[in-house]
C-alpha atoms as a PDB file:
ATOM      1  CA  MET A   1     -22.825 -10.299   8.805  1.00  0.00           C
ATOM      2  CA  HIS A   2     -21.721  -7.500   6.479  1.00  0.00           C
ATOM      3  CA  ASP A   3     -19.979  -5.575   9.358  1.00  0.00           C
ATOM      4  CA  PHE A   4     -18.339  -8.820  10.526  1.00  0.00           C
ATOM      5  CA  ILE A   5     -16.801  -9.507   7.185  1.00  0.00           C
ATOM      6  CA  LEU A   6     -15.543  -5.804   6.820  1.00  0.00           C
ATOM      7  CA  THR A   7     -14.036  -5.984  10.306  1.00  0.00           C
ATOM      8  CA  ALA A   8     -12.305  -9.262   9.476  1.00  0.00           C
ATOM      9  CA  ALA A   9     -10.929  -7.756   6.300  1.00  0.00           C
ATOM     10  CA  VAL A  10      -9.561  -4.742   8.110  1.00  0.00           C
ATOM     11  CA  VAL A  11      -8.052  -6.831  10.871  1.00  0.00           C
ATOM     12  CA  TRP A  12      -6.415  -9.076   8.083  1.00  0.00           C
ATOM     13  CA  THR A  13      -5.028  -6.002   6.160  1.00  0.00           C
ATOM     14  CA  PHE A  14      -3.505  -4.528   9.362  1.00  0.00           C
ATOM     15  CA  LEU A  15      -1.829  -7.917  10.194  1.00  0.00           C
ATOM     16  CA  LEU A  16      -0.562  -8.073   6.671  1.00  0.00           C
ATOM     17  CA  MET A  17       0.810  -4.608   6.954  1.00  0.00           C
ATOM     18  CA  ALA A  18       2.655  -5.468  10.232  1.00  0.00           C
ATOM     19  CA  ILE A  19       4.217  -8.498   8.465  1.00  0.00           C
ATOM     20  CA  VAL A  20       5.319  -6.331   5.572  1.00  0.00           C
ATOM     21  CA  VAL A  21       6.762  -3.613   7.771  1.00  0.00           C
ATOM     22  CA  ILE A  22       8.770  -6.290   9.621  1.00  0.00           C
ATOM     23  CA  GLY A  23      10.026  -7.576   6.259  1.00  0.00           C
ATOM     24  CA  LEU A  24      10.886  -3.949   5.281  1.00  0.00           C
ATOM     25  CA  LEU A  25      12.891  -3.402   8.446  1.00  0.00           C
ATOM     26  CA  ARG A  26      14.789  -6.699   8.087  1.00  0.00           C
ATOM     27  CA  THR A  27      15.818  -6.777   4.475  1.00  0.00           C
ATOM     28  CA  PRO A  28      19.218  -5.473   3.386  1.00  0.00           C
ATOM     29  CA  HIS A  29      18.565  -5.104  -0.244  1.00  0.00           C
ATOM     30  CA  PRO A  30      17.354  -1.836  -1.696  1.00  0.00           C
ATOM     31  CA  LEU A  31      15.109  -3.217  -4.527  1.00  0.00           C
ATOM     32  CA  THR A  32      13.291  -5.370  -1.997  1.00  0.00           C
ATOM     33  CA  ARG A  33      12.827  -2.342   0.162  1.00  0.00           C
ATOM     34  CA  ILE A  34      11.255  -0.535  -2.852  1.00  0.00           C
ATOM     35  CA  LEU A  35       8.978  -3.547  -3.428  1.00  0.00           C
ATOM     36  CA  MET A  36       7.944  -3.560   0.322  1.00  0.00           C
ATOM     37  CA  LEU A  37       7.068   0.100   0.270  1.00  0.00           C
ATOM     38  CA  ASP A  38       4.999  -0.420  -2.821  1.00  0.00           C
ATOM     39  CA  PHE A  39       3.214  -3.306  -1.066  1.00  0.00           C
ATOM     40  CA  ILE A  40       2.520  -1.065   1.919  1.00  0.00           C
ATOM     41  CA  THR A  41       0.868   1.554  -0.317  1.00  0.00           C
ATOM     42  CA  LEU A  42      -1.218  -1.223  -1.846  1.00  0.00           C
ATOM     43  CA  ILE A  43      -2.356  -2.257   1.607  1.00  0.00           C
ATOM     44  CA  LEU A  44      -3.082   1.416   2.527  1.00  0.00           C
ATOM     45  CA  ILE A  45      -5.279   1.584  -0.684  1.00  0.00           C
ATOM     46  CA  ALA A  46      -7.116  -1.573   0.423  1.00  0.00           C
ATOM     47  CA  ILE A  47      -7.711   0.073   3.882  1.00  0.00           C
ATOM     48  CA  LEU A  48      -9.045   3.263   2.297  1.00  0.00           C
ATOM     49  CA  ILE A  49     -11.426   1.287   0.059  1.00  0.00           C
ATOM     50  CA  LEU A  50     -12.632  -0.857   3.105  1.00  0.00           C
ATOM     51  CA  TYR A  51     -13.152   2.343   5.076  1.00  0.00           C
ATOM     52  CA  ALA A  52     -15.113   3.957   2.196  1.00  0.00           C
ATOM     53  CA  ILE A  53     -17.374   0.834   1.993  1.00  0.00           C
ATOM     54  CA  ARG A  54     -17.893   0.764   5.729  1.00  0.00           C
ATOM     55  CA  GLU A  55     -18.731   4.482   6.125  1.00  0.00           C
ATOM     56  CA  GLY A  56     -20.508   4.867   2.764  1.00  0.00           C
ATOM     57  CA  ARG A  57     -18.328   7.856   1.693  1.00  0.00           C
ATOM     58  CA  PRO A  58     -17.099   7.725  -1.765  1.00  0.00           C
ATOM     59  CA  PHE A  59     -14.401  10.350  -1.530  1.00  0.00           C
ATOM     60  CA  TYR A  60     -12.095   7.924   0.201  1.00  0.00           C
ATOM     61  CA  LEU A  61     -12.187   6.014  -3.056  1.00  0.00           C
ATOM     62  CA  ASP A  62     -10.840   9.202  -4.774  1.00  0.00           C
ATOM     63  CA  ALA A  63      -8.018   9.317  -2.219  1.00  0.00           C
ATOM     64  CA  ALA A  64      -7.278   5.596  -2.845  1.00  0.00           C
ATOM     65  CA  LEU A  65      -7.049   6.354  -6.635  1.00  0.00           C
ATOM     66  CA  VAL A  66      -4.703   9.287  -6.129  1.00  0.00           C
ATOM     67  CA  LEU A  67      -2.571   7.190  -3.756  1.00  0.00           C
ATOM     68  CA  ALA A  68      -2.421   4.365  -6.408  1.00  0.00           C
ATOM     69  CA  ALA A  69      -1.247   6.860  -9.031  1.00  0.00           C
ATOM     70  CA  LEU A  70       1.425   8.344  -6.804  1.00  0.00           C
ATOM     71  CA  SER A  71       2.562   4.999  -5.722  1.00  0.00           C
ATOM     72  CA  PHE A  72       3.052   3.854  -9.375  1.00  0.00           C
ATOM     73  CA  ILE A  73       5.099   6.989 -10.244  1.00  0.00           C
ATOM     74  CA  SER A  74       7.243   6.815  -7.117  1.00  0.00           C
ATOM     75  CA  THR A  75       7.919   3.041  -7.441  1.00  0.00           C
ATOM     76  CA  THR A  76       8.853   3.523 -11.078  1.00  0.00           C
ATOM     77  CA  ALA A  77      11.157   6.448 -10.275  1.00  0.00           C
ATOM     78  CA  ALA A  78      12.836   4.669  -7.375  1.00  0.00           C
ATOM     79  CA  ALA A  79      13.414   1.383  -9.323  1.00  0.00           C
ATOM     80  CA  ARG A  80      14.759   3.356 -12.262  1.00  0.00           C
ATOM     81  CA  TYR A  81      16.999   5.328  -9.950  1.00  0.00           C
ATOM     82  CA  GLN A  82      18.276   2.121  -8.315  1.00  0.00           C
ATOM     83  CA  ALA A  83      18.977   0.483 -11.669  1.00  0.00           C
ATOM     84  CA  GLU A  84      20.292   3.433 -13.740  1.00  0.00           C
ATOM     85  CA  GLY A  85      21.407   6.020 -11.265  1.00  0.00           C
ATOM     86  CA  ARG A  86      18.773   8.589 -12.591  1.00  0.00           C
ATOM     87  CA  PRO A  87      15.055   8.756 -11.957  1.00  0.00           C
ATOM     88  CA  PHE A  88      14.055   9.856 -15.476  1.00  0.00           C
END
């Protein structure tokens, strides 16, 4: 039962990623693209966490944490650059 739930969660996250990528390609607004890219990194973090649970290897959780920190910094810089014309 545990493997079935993890497999269903992975399939759901990949389906969600496909929907977000389609939305990313179709939107003309730069701020919406920034939001979509941030959402893609959030889905990648979820996939890393699910993979760490499935394989029982905790170092994937460290990679997810680093990706979350980099995602926060890059989203903040991109949004500030879009709003003010300078990243910092």
